[in-house]
Amino acid sequence: MFKSATLYTNNVKALRRFYGNVLELDITESAPEQFTVRIGESLLTFKHTDQPAFYHFAINIPGNQFSMMKYWITDRVTLNRKRGAG
């Protein structure tokens, strides 16, 4: 787990909407060129860059909350499904 991290993006507005409006996470700081979102105990800052960037990371969810979280998230995003998986 990390306390804070900074990632760069060429699409700050879309990511701010996704984390704030879709995932309903707490945006702790916001400016036109950057924002910070709280995910559990961690702070994740996205800063503007002109370079296209792509990140893939996981958010740890306690095992006893996984089914509830999966149900909650399916109303907000399309989940990837592996062929043959439930």
PDB file of N, CA and C in Angstrom:
ATOM      1  N   MET A   1       0.854  -1.169   0.000  1.00  0.00           N
ATOM      2  CA  MET A   1       0.000   0.000   0.000  1.00  0.00           C
ATOM      3  C   MET A   1       0.904   1.238   0.000  1.00  0.00           C
ATOM      4  N   PHE A   2       0.417   2.296  -0.605  1.00  0.00           N
ATOM      5  CA  PHE A   2       1.179   3.544  -0.644  1.00  0.00           C
ATOM      6  C   PHE A   2       0.370   4.657   0.017  1.00  0.00           C
ATOM      7  N   LYS A   3       1.074   5.646   0.547  1.00  0.00           N
ATOM      8  CA  LYS A   3       0.405   6.793   1.167  1.00  0.00           C
ATOM      9  C   LYS A   3      -0.032   7.800   0.131  1.00  0.00           C
ATOM     10  N   SER A   4       0.833   8.019  -0.883  1.00  0.00           N
ATOM     11  CA  SER A   4       0.472   8.956  -1.952  1.00  0.00           C
ATOM     12  C   SER A   4       1.273   8.617  -3.199  1.00  0.00           C
ATOM     13  N   ALA A   5       0.699   8.979  -4.338  1.00  0.00           N
ATOM     14  CA  ALA A   5       1.355   8.788  -5.630  1.00  0.00           C
ATOM     15  C   ALA A   5       0.852   9.866  -6.569  1.00  0.00           C
ATOM     16  N   THR A   6       1.691  10.221  -7.533  1.00  0.00           N
ATOM     17  CA  THR A   6       1.320  11.198  -8.556  1.00  0.00           C
ATOM     18  C   THR A   6       1.422  10.525  -9.912  1.00  0.00           C
ATOM     19  N   LEU A   7       0.350  10.624 -10.678  1.00  0.00           N
ATOM     20  CA  LEU A   7       0.296  10.092 -12.038  1.00  0.00           C
ATOM     21  C   LEU A   7       0.017  11.256 -12.981  1.00  0.00           C
ATOM     22  N   TYR A   8       0.483  11.133 -14.197  1.00  0.00           N
ATOM     23  CA  TYR A   8       0.306  12.204 -15.185  1.00  0.00           C
ATOM     24  C   TYR A   8      -0.679  11.756 -16.250  1.00  0.00           C
ATOM     25  N   THR A   9      -1.484  12.712 -16.733  1.00  0.00           N
ATOM     26  CA  THR A   9      -2.519  12.400 -17.710  1.00  0.00           C
ATOM     27  C   THR A   9      -2.733  13.586 -18.647  1.00  0.00           C
ATOM     28  N   ASN A  10      -3.145  13.280 -19.856  1.00  0.00           N
ATOM     29  CA  ASN A  10      -3.518  14.344 -20.780  1.00  0.00           C
ATOM     30  C   ASN A  10      -5.033  14.567 -20.779  1.00  0.00           C
ATOM     31  N   ASN A  11      -5.727  13.970 -19.799  1.00  0.00           N
ATOM     32  CA  ASN A  11      -7.178  14.102 -19.732  1.00  0.00           C
ATOM     33  C   ASN A  11      -7.647  14.255 -18.279  1.00  0.00           C
ATOM     34  N   VAL A  12      -7.230  15.331 -17.635  1.00  0.00           N
ATOM     35  CA  VAL A  12      -7.561  15.570 -16.233  1.00  0.00           C
ATOM     36  C   VAL A  12      -9.076  15.644 -16.021  1.00  0.00           C
ATOM     37  N   LYS A  13      -9.792  16.346 -16.893  1.00  0.00           N
ATOM     38  CA  LYS A  13     -11.242  16.522 -16.709  1.00  0.00           C
ATOM     39  C   LYS A  13     -11.983  15.186 -16.683  1.00  0.00           C
ATOM     40  N   ALA A  14     -11.678  14.309 -17.629  1.00  0.00           N
ATOM     41  CA  ALA A  14     -12.366  13.014 -17.698  1.00  0.00           C
ATOM     42  C   ALA A  14     -12.059  12.158 -16.471  1.00  0.00           C
ATOM     43  N   LEU A  15     -10.815  12.165 -16.033  1.00  0.00           N
ATOM     44  CA  LEU A  15     -10.468  11.376 -14.851  1.00  0.00           C
ATOM     45  C   LEU A  15     -11.110  11.947 -13.595  1.00  0.00           C
ATOM     46  N   ARG A  16     -11.178  13.277 -13.491  1.00  0.00           N
ATOM     47  CA  ARG A  16     -11.842  13.891 -12.342  1.00  0.00           C
ATOM     48  C   ARG A  16     -13.314  13.487 -12.298  1.00  0.00           C
ATOM     49  N   ARG A  17     -13.973  13.499 -13.457  1.00  0.00           N
ATOM     50  CA  ARG A  17     -15.377  13.063 -13.518  1.00  0.00           C
ATOM     51  C   ARG A  17     -15.505  11.596 -13.117  1.00  0.00           C
ATOM     52  N   PHE A  18     -14.604  10.745 -13.639  1.00  0.00           N
ATOM     53  CA  PHE A  18     -14.685   9.314 -13.357  1.00  0.00           C
ATOM     54  C   PHE A  18     -14.521   9.033 -11.861  1.00  0.00           C
ATOM     55  N   TYR A  19     -13.448   9.539 -11.268  1.00  0.00           N
ATOM     56  CA  TYR A  19     -13.199   9.245  -9.855  1.00  0.00           C
ATOM     57  C   TYR A  19     -14.177   9.959  -8.927  1.00  0.00           C
ATOM     58  N   GLY A  20     -14.552  11.169  -9.258  1.00  0.00           N
ATOM     59  CA  GLY A  20     -15.463  11.929  -8.405  1.00  0.00           C
ATOM     60  C   GLY A  20     -16.922  11.590  -8.603  1.00  0.00           C
ATOM     61  N   ASN A  21     -17.368  11.515  -9.863  1.00  0.00           N
ATOM     62  CA  ASN A  21     -18.796  11.310 -10.136  1.00  0.00           C
ATOM     63  C   ASN A  21     -19.176   9.844 -10.309  1.00  0.00           C
ATOM     64  N   VAL A  22     -18.378   9.084 -11.021  1.00  0.00           N
ATOM     65  CA  VAL A  22     -18.724   7.678 -11.267  1.00  0.00           C
ATOM     66  C   VAL A  22     -18.394   6.819 -10.040  1.00  0.00           C
ATOM     67  N   LEU A  23     -17.156   6.874  -9.585  1.00  0.00           N
ATOM     68  CA  LEU A  23     -16.768   6.071  -8.429  1.00  0.00           C
ATOM     69  C   LEU A  23     -17.124   6.728  -7.094  1.00  0.00           C
ATOM     70  N   GLU A  24     -17.516   8.004  -7.143  1.00  0.00           N
ATOM     71  CA  GLU A  24     -17.939   8.751  -5.960  1.00  0.00           C
ATOM     72  C   GLU A  24     -16.872   8.770  -4.866  1.00  0.00           C
ATOM     73  N   LEU A  25     -15.608   8.890  -5.266  1.00  0.00           N
ATOM     74  CA  LEU A  25     -14.517   8.991  -4.310  1.00  0.00           C
ATOM     75  C   LEU A  25     -14.328  10.445  -3.896  1.00  0.00           C
ATOM     76  N   ASP A  26     -13.722  10.639  -2.749  1.00  0.00           N
ATOM     77  CA  ASP A  26     -13.505  11.965  -2.185  1.00  0.00           C
ATOM     78  C   ASP A  26     -12.362  12.670  -2.905  1.00  0.00           C
ATOM     79  N   ILE A  27     -12.674  13.756  -3.600  1.00  0.00           N
ATOM     80  CA  ILE A  27     -11.638  14.582  -4.222  1.00  0.00           C
ATOM     81  C   ILE A  27     -11.220  15.605  -3.177  1.00  0.00           C
ATOM     82  N   THR A  28      -9.969  15.478  -2.727  1.00  0.00           N
ATOM     83  CA  THR A  28      -9.496  16.315  -1.622  1.00  0.00           C
ATOM     84  C   THR A  28      -8.928  17.645  -2.086  1.00  0.00           C
ATOM     85  N   GLU A  29      -8.426  17.699  -3.318  1.00  0.00           N
ATOM     86  CA  GLU A  29      -7.905  18.942  -3.896  1.00  0.00           C
ATOM     87  C   GLU A  29      -8.246  18.950  -5.374  1.00  0.00           C
ATOM     88  N   SER A  30      -8.575  20.124  -5.892  1.00  0.00           N
ATOM     89  CA  SER A  30      -8.917  20.211  -7.303  1.00  0.00           C
ATOM     90  C   SER A  30      -8.499  21.568  -7.857  1.00  0.00           C
ATOM     91  N   ALA A  31      -7.839  21.526  -8.997  1.00  0.00           N
ATOM     92  CA  ALA A  31      -7.436  22.725  -9.732  1.00  0.00           C
ATOM     93  C   ALA A  31      -7.561  22.376 -11.212  1.00  0.00           C
ATOM     94  N   PRO A  32      -7.561  23.361 -12.093  1.00  0.00           N
ATOM     95  CA  PRO A  32      -7.721  23.054 -13.518  1.00  0.00           C
ATOM     96  C   PRO A  32      -6.704  22.048 -14.064  1.00  0.00           C
ATOM     97  N   GLU A  33      -5.488  22.055 -13.560  1.00  0.00           N
ATOM     98  CA  GLU A  33      -4.421  21.214 -14.109  1.00  0.00           C
ATOM     99  C   GLU A  33      -4.141  19.952 -13.294  1.00  0.00           C
ATOM    100  N   GLN A  34      -4.860  19.759 -12.178  1.00  0.00           N
ATOM    101  CA  GLN A  34      -4.610  18.572 -11.359  1.00  0.00           C
ATOM    102  C   GLN A  34      -5.726  18.370 -10.345  1.00  0.00           C
ATOM    103  N   PHE A  35      -5.780  17.174  -9.768  1.00  0.00           N
ATOM    104  CA  PHE A  35      -6.683  16.897  -8.660  1.00  0.00           C
ATOM    105  C   PHE A  35      -6.121  15.732  -7.864  1.00  0.00           C
ATOM    106  N   THR A  36      -6.575  15.643  -6.613  1.00  0.00           N
ATOM    107  CA  THR A  36      -6.166  14.547  -5.732  1.00  0.00           C
ATOM    108  C   THR A  36      -7.415  13.848  -5.226  1.00  0.00           C
ATOM    109  N   VAL A  37      -7.397  12.533  -5.261  1.00  0.00           N
ATOM    110  CA  VAL A  37      -8.516  11.723  -4.807  1.00  0.00           C
ATOM    111  C   VAL A  37      -8.036  10.815  -3.681  1.00  0.00           C
ATOM    112  N   ARG A  38      -8.895  10.637  -2.676  1.00  0.00           N
ATOM    113  CA  ARG A  38      -8.594   9.733  -1.574  1.00  0.00           C
ATOM    114  C   ARG A  38      -9.195   8.367  -1.906  1.00  0.00           C
ATOM    115  N   ILE A  39      -8.345   7.348  -1.837  1.00  0.00           N
ATOM    116  CA  ILE A  39      -8.785   5.969  -2.025  1.00  0.00           C
ATOM    117  C   ILE A  39      -8.342   5.223  -0.774  1.00  0.00           C
ATOM    118  N   GLY A  40      -9.266   4.982   0.129  1.00  0.00           N
ATOM    119  CA  GLY A  40      -8.914   4.374   1.411  1.00  0.00           C
ATOM    120  C   GLY A  40      -8.011   5.320   2.179  1.00  0.00           C
ATOM    121  N   GLU A  41      -6.825   4.835   2.541  1.00  0.00           N
ATOM    122  CA  GLU A  41      -5.858   5.649   3.276  1.00  0.00           C
ATOM    123  C   GLU A  41      -4.856   6.332   2.340  1.00  0.00           C
ATOM    124  N   SER A  42      -4.980   6.109   1.044  1.00  0.00           N
ATOM    125  CA  SER A  42      -4.017   6.625   0.068  1.00  0.00           C
ATOM    126  C   SER A  42      -4.551   7.856  -0.654  1.00  0.00           C
ATOM    127  N   LEU A  43      -3.632   8.720  -1.075  1.00  0.00           N
ATOM    128  CA  LEU A  43      -3.969   9.882  -1.893  1.00  0.00           C
ATOM    129  C   LEU A  43      -3.340   9.696  -3.269  1.00  0.00           C
ATOM    130  N   LEU A  44      -4.150   9.839  -4.295  1.00  0.00           N
ATOM    131  CA  LEU A  44      -3.698   9.684  -5.672  1.00  0.00           C
ATOM    132  C   LEU A  44      -3.906  11.011  -6.392  1.00  0.00           C
ATOM    133  N   THR A  45      -2.806  11.608  -6.858  1.00  0.00           N
ATOM    134  CA  THR A  45      -2.868  12.896  -7.546  1.00  0.00           C
ATOM    135  C   THR A  45      -2.660  12.681  -9.039  1.00  0.00           C
ATOM    136  N   PHE A  46      -3.524  13.280  -9.836  1.00  0.00           N
ATOM    137  CA  PHE A  46      -3.385  13.272 -11.291  1.00  0.00           C
ATOM    138  C   PHE A  46      -3.023  14.684 -11.722  1.00  0.00           C
ATOM    139  N   LYS A  47      -1.927  14.802 -12.464  1.00  0.00           N
ATOM    140  CA  LYS A  47      -1.470  16.103 -12.970  1.00  0.00           C
ATOM    141  C   LYS A  47      -1.473  16.089 -14.487  1.00  0.00           C
ATOM    142  N   HIS A  48      -1.773  17.240 -15.056  1.00  0.00           N
ATOM    143  CA  HIS A  48      -1.818  17.381 -16.507  1.00  0.00           C
ATOM    144  C   HIS A  48      -0.435  17.242 -17.141  1.00  0.00           C
ATOM    145  N   THR A  49      -0.414  16.569 -18.271  1.00  0.00           N
ATOM    146  CA  THR A  49       0.744  16.515 -19.153  1.00  0.00           C
ATOM    147  C   THR A  49       0.219  16.500 -20.580  1.00  0.00           C
ATOM    148  N   ASP A  50       1.010  16.920 -21.516  1.00  0.00           N
ATOM    149  CA  ASP A  50       0.601  16.852 -22.917  1.00  0.00           C
ATOM    150  C   ASP A  50       0.816  15.461 -23.507  1.00  0.00           C
ATOM    151  N   GLN A  51       1.606  14.647 -22.834  1.00  0.00           N
ATOM    152  CA  GLN A  51       1.898  13.291 -23.304  1.00  0.00           C
ATOM    153  C   GLN A  51       0.731  12.361 -22.970  1.00  0.00           C
ATOM    154  N   PRO A  52       0.240  11.578 -23.926  1.00  0.00           N
ATOM    155  CA  PRO A  52      -0.774  10.575 -23.596  1.00  0.00           C
ATOM    156  C   PRO A  52      -0.210   9.573 -22.584  1.00  0.00           C
ATOM    157  N   ALA A  53      -1.025   9.191 -21.622  1.00  0.00           N
ATOM    158  CA  ALA A  53      -0.578   8.253 -20.591  1.00  0.00           C
ATOM    159  C   ALA A  53      -1.699   7.277 -20.270  1.00  0.00           C
ATOM    160  N   PHE A  54      -1.327   6.054 -19.952  1.00  0.00           N
ATOM    161  CA  PHE A  54      -2.300   5.028 -19.581  1.00  0.00           C
ATOM    162  C   PHE A  54      -1.777   4.304 -18.352  1.00  0.00           C
ATOM    163  N   TYR A  55      -2.633   4.139 -17.367  1.00  0.00           N
ATOM    164  CA  TYR A  55      -2.269   3.432 -16.139  1.00  0.00           C
ATOM    165  C   TYR A  55      -3.290   2.338 -15.883  1.00  0.00           C
ATOM    166  N   HIS A  56      -2.836   1.295 -15.264  1.00  0.00           N
ATOM    167  CA  HIS A  56      -3.725   0.225 -14.819  1.00  0.00           C
ATOM    168  C   HIS A  56      -3.296  -0.137 -13.410  1.00  0.00           C
ATOM    169  N   PHE A  57      -4.203  -0.005 -12.469  1.00  0.00           N
ATOM    170  CA  PHE A  57      -3.887  -0.378 -11.090  1.00  0.00           C
ATOM    171  C   PHE A  57      -5.149  -0.909 -10.439  1.00  0.00           C
ATOM    172  N   ALA A  58      -4.969  -1.595  -9.330  1.00  0.00           N
ATOM    173  CA  ALA A  58      -6.089  -2.199  -8.611  1.00  0.00           C
ATOM    174  C   ALA A  58      -6.333  -1.441  -7.318  1.00  0.00           C
ATOM    175  N   ILE A  59      -7.562  -1.467  -6.885  1.00  0.00           N
ATOM    176  CA  ILE A  59      -7.936  -0.915  -5.590  1.00  0.00           C
ATOM    177  C   ILE A  59      -8.292  -2.102  -4.707  1.00  0.00           C
ATOM    178  N   ASN A  60      -7.610  -2.230  -3.592  1.00  0.00           N
ATOM    179  CA  ASN A  60      -7.831  -3.342  -2.683  1.00  0.00           C
ATOM    180  C   ASN A  60      -9.186  -3.213  -2.000  1.00  0.00           C
ATOM    181  N   ILE A  61      -9.980  -4.271  -2.046  1.00  0.00           N
ATOM    182  CA  ILE A  61     -11.288  -4.298  -1.404  1.00  0.00           C
ATOM    183  C   ILE A  61     -11.281  -5.464  -0.430  1.00  0.00           C
ATOM    184  N   PRO A  62     -11.675  -5.244   0.818  1.00  0.00           N
ATOM    185  CA  PRO A  62     -11.719  -6.356   1.768  1.00  0.00           C
ATOM    186  C   PRO A  62     -12.585  -7.498   1.233  1.00  0.00           C
ATOM    187  N   GLY A  63     -12.133  -8.727   1.424  1.00  0.00           N
ATOM    188  CA  GLY A  63     -12.831  -9.902   0.897  1.00  0.00           C
ATOM    189  C   GLY A  63     -14.287  -9.977   1.285  1.00  0.00           C
ATOM    190  N   ASN A  64     -14.622  -9.554   2.499  1.00  0.00           N
ATOM    191  CA  ASN A  64     -16.018  -9.637   2.939  1.00  0.00           C
ATOM    192  C   ASN A  64     -16.909  -8.563   2.315  1.00  0.00           C
ATOM    193  N   GLN A  65     -16.316  -7.641   1.527  1.00  0.00           N
ATOM    194  CA  GLN A  65     -17.098  -6.586   0.866  1.00  0.00           C
ATOM    195  C   GLN A  65     -17.085  -6.719  -0.663  1.00  0.00           C
ATOM    196  N   PHE A  66     -16.421  -7.777  -1.170  1.00  0.00           N
ATOM    197  CA  PHE A  66     -16.257  -7.904  -2.616  1.00  0.00           C
ATOM    198  C   PHE A  66     -17.593  -8.020  -3.350  1.00  0.00           C
ATOM    199  N   SER A  67     -18.485  -8.895  -2.918  1.00  0.00           N
ATOM    200  CA  SER A  67     -19.774  -9.079  -3.607  1.00  0.00           C
ATOM    201  C   SER A  67     -20.591  -7.796  -3.600  1.00  0.00           C
ATOM    202  N   MET A  68     -20.612  -7.111  -2.467  1.00  0.00           N
ATOM    203  CA  MET A  68     -21.350  -5.850  -2.374  1.00  0.00           C
ATOM    204  C   MET A  68     -20.757  -4.809  -3.328  1.00  0.00           C
ATOM    205  N   MET A  69     -19.431  -4.735  -3.380  1.00  0.00           N
ATOM    206  CA  MET A  69     -18.768  -3.758  -4.238  1.00  0.00           C
ATOM    207  C   MET A  69     -19.000  -4.091  -5.715  1.00  0.00           C
ATOM    208  N   LYS A  70     -18.966  -5.378  -6.059  1.00  0.00           N
ATOM    209  CA  LYS A  70     -19.207  -5.782  -7.449  1.00  0.00           C
ATOM    210  C   LYS A  70     -20.619  -5.375  -7.875  1.00  0.00           C
ATOM    211  N   TYR A  71     -21.587  -5.592  -7.011  1.00  0.00           N
ATOM    212  CA  TYR A  71     -22.965  -5.202  -7.298  1.00  0.00           C
ATOM    213  C   TYR A  71     -23.052  -3.686  -7.474  1.00  0.00           C
ATOM    214  N   TRP A  72     -22.415  -2.921  -6.584  1.00  0.00           N
ATOM    215  CA  TRP A  72     -22.450  -1.456  -6.632  1.00  0.00           C
ATOM    216  C   TRP A  72     -21.815  -0.929  -7.913  1.00  0.00           C
ATOM    217  N   ILE A  73     -20.677  -1.483  -8.302  1.00  0.00           N
ATOM    218  CA  ILE A  73     -19.927  -0.962  -9.449  1.00  0.00           C
ATOM    219  C   ILE A  73     -20.599  -1.297 -10.784  1.00  0.00           C
ATOM    220  N   THR A  74     -21.361  -2.390 -10.865  1.00  0.00           N
ATOM    221  CA  THR A  74     -21.990  -2.763 -12.138  1.00  0.00           C
ATOM    222  C   THR A  74     -23.014  -1.730 -12.612  1.00  0.00           C
ATOM    223  N   ASP A  75     -23.520  -0.902 -11.717  1.00  0.00           N
ATOM    224  CA  ASP A  75     -24.424   0.187 -12.110  1.00  0.00           C
ATOM    225  C   ASP A  75     -23.666   1.388 -12.668  1.00  0.00           C
ATOM    226  N   ARG A  76     -22.334   1.382 -12.533  1.00  0.00           N
ATOM    227  CA  ARG A  76     -21.536   2.547 -12.900  1.00  0.00           C
ATOM    228  C   ARG A  76     -20.603   2.324 -14.086  1.00  0.00           C
ATOM    229  N   VAL A  77     -20.072   1.124 -14.217  1.00  0.00           N
ATOM    230  CA  VAL A  77     -19.137   0.807 -15.300  1.00  0.00           C
ATOM    231  C   VAL A  77     -19.419  -0.592 -15.837  1.00  0.00           C
ATOM    232  N   THR A  78     -18.925  -0.867 -17.032  1.00  0.00           N
ATOM    233  CA  THR A  78     -19.018  -2.200 -17.609  1.00  0.00           C
ATOM    234  C   THR A  78     -17.811  -3.001 -17.149  1.00  0.00           C
ATOM    235  N   LEU A  79     -18.075  -4.140 -16.530  1.00  0.00           N
ATOM    236  CA  LEU A  79     -16.992  -4.981 -16.052  1.00  0.00           C
ATOM    237  C   LEU A  79     -16.510  -5.900 -17.166  1.00  0.00           C
ATOM    238  N   ASN A  80     -15.203  -6.102 -17.225  1.00  0.00           N
ATOM    239  CA  ASN A  80     -14.657  -7.075 -18.169  1.00  0.00           C
ATOM    240  C   ASN A  80     -15.021  -8.468 -17.702  1.00  0.00           C
ATOM    241  N   ARG A  81     -15.308  -9.344 -18.652  1.00  0.00           N
ATOM    242  CA  ARG A  81     -15.624 -10.720 -18.307  1.00  0.00           C
ATOM    243  C   ARG A  81     -14.740 -11.638 -19.113  1.00  0.00           C
ATOM    244  N   LYS A  82     -14.155 -12.578 -18.456  1.00  0.00           N
ATOM    245  CA  LYS A  82     -13.359 -13.599 -19.110  1.00  0.00           C
ATOM    246  C   LYS A  82     -14.313 -14.678 -19.592  1.00  0.00           C
ATOM    247  N   ARG A  83     -14.147 -15.085 -20.865  1.00  0.00           N
ATOM    248  CA  ARG A  83     -15.047 -16.094 -21.421  1.00  0.00           C
ATOM    249  C   ARG A  83     -15.074 -17.318 -20.516  1.00  0.00           C
ATOM    250  N   GLY A  84     -16.295 -17.740 -20.172  1.00  0.00           N
ATOM    251  CA  GLY A  84     -16.464 -18.917 -19.331  1.00  0.00           C
ATOM    252  C   GLY A  84     -16.440 -18.622 -17.852  1.00  0.00           C
ATOM    253  N   ALA A  85     -16.092 -17.407 -17.468  1.00  0.00           N
ATOM    254  CA  ALA A  85     -16.066 -17.069 -16.047  1.00  0.00           C
ATOM    255  C   ALA A  85     -17.427 -16.537 -15.616  1.00  0.00           C
ATOM    256  N   GLY A  86     -17.774 -16.719 -14.363  1.00  0.00           N
ATOM    257  CA  GLY A  86     -19.049 -16.270 -13.826  1.00  0.00           C
ATOM    258  C   GLY A  86     -19.017 -14.834 -13.590  1.00  0.00           C
TER     259      GLY A  86
END
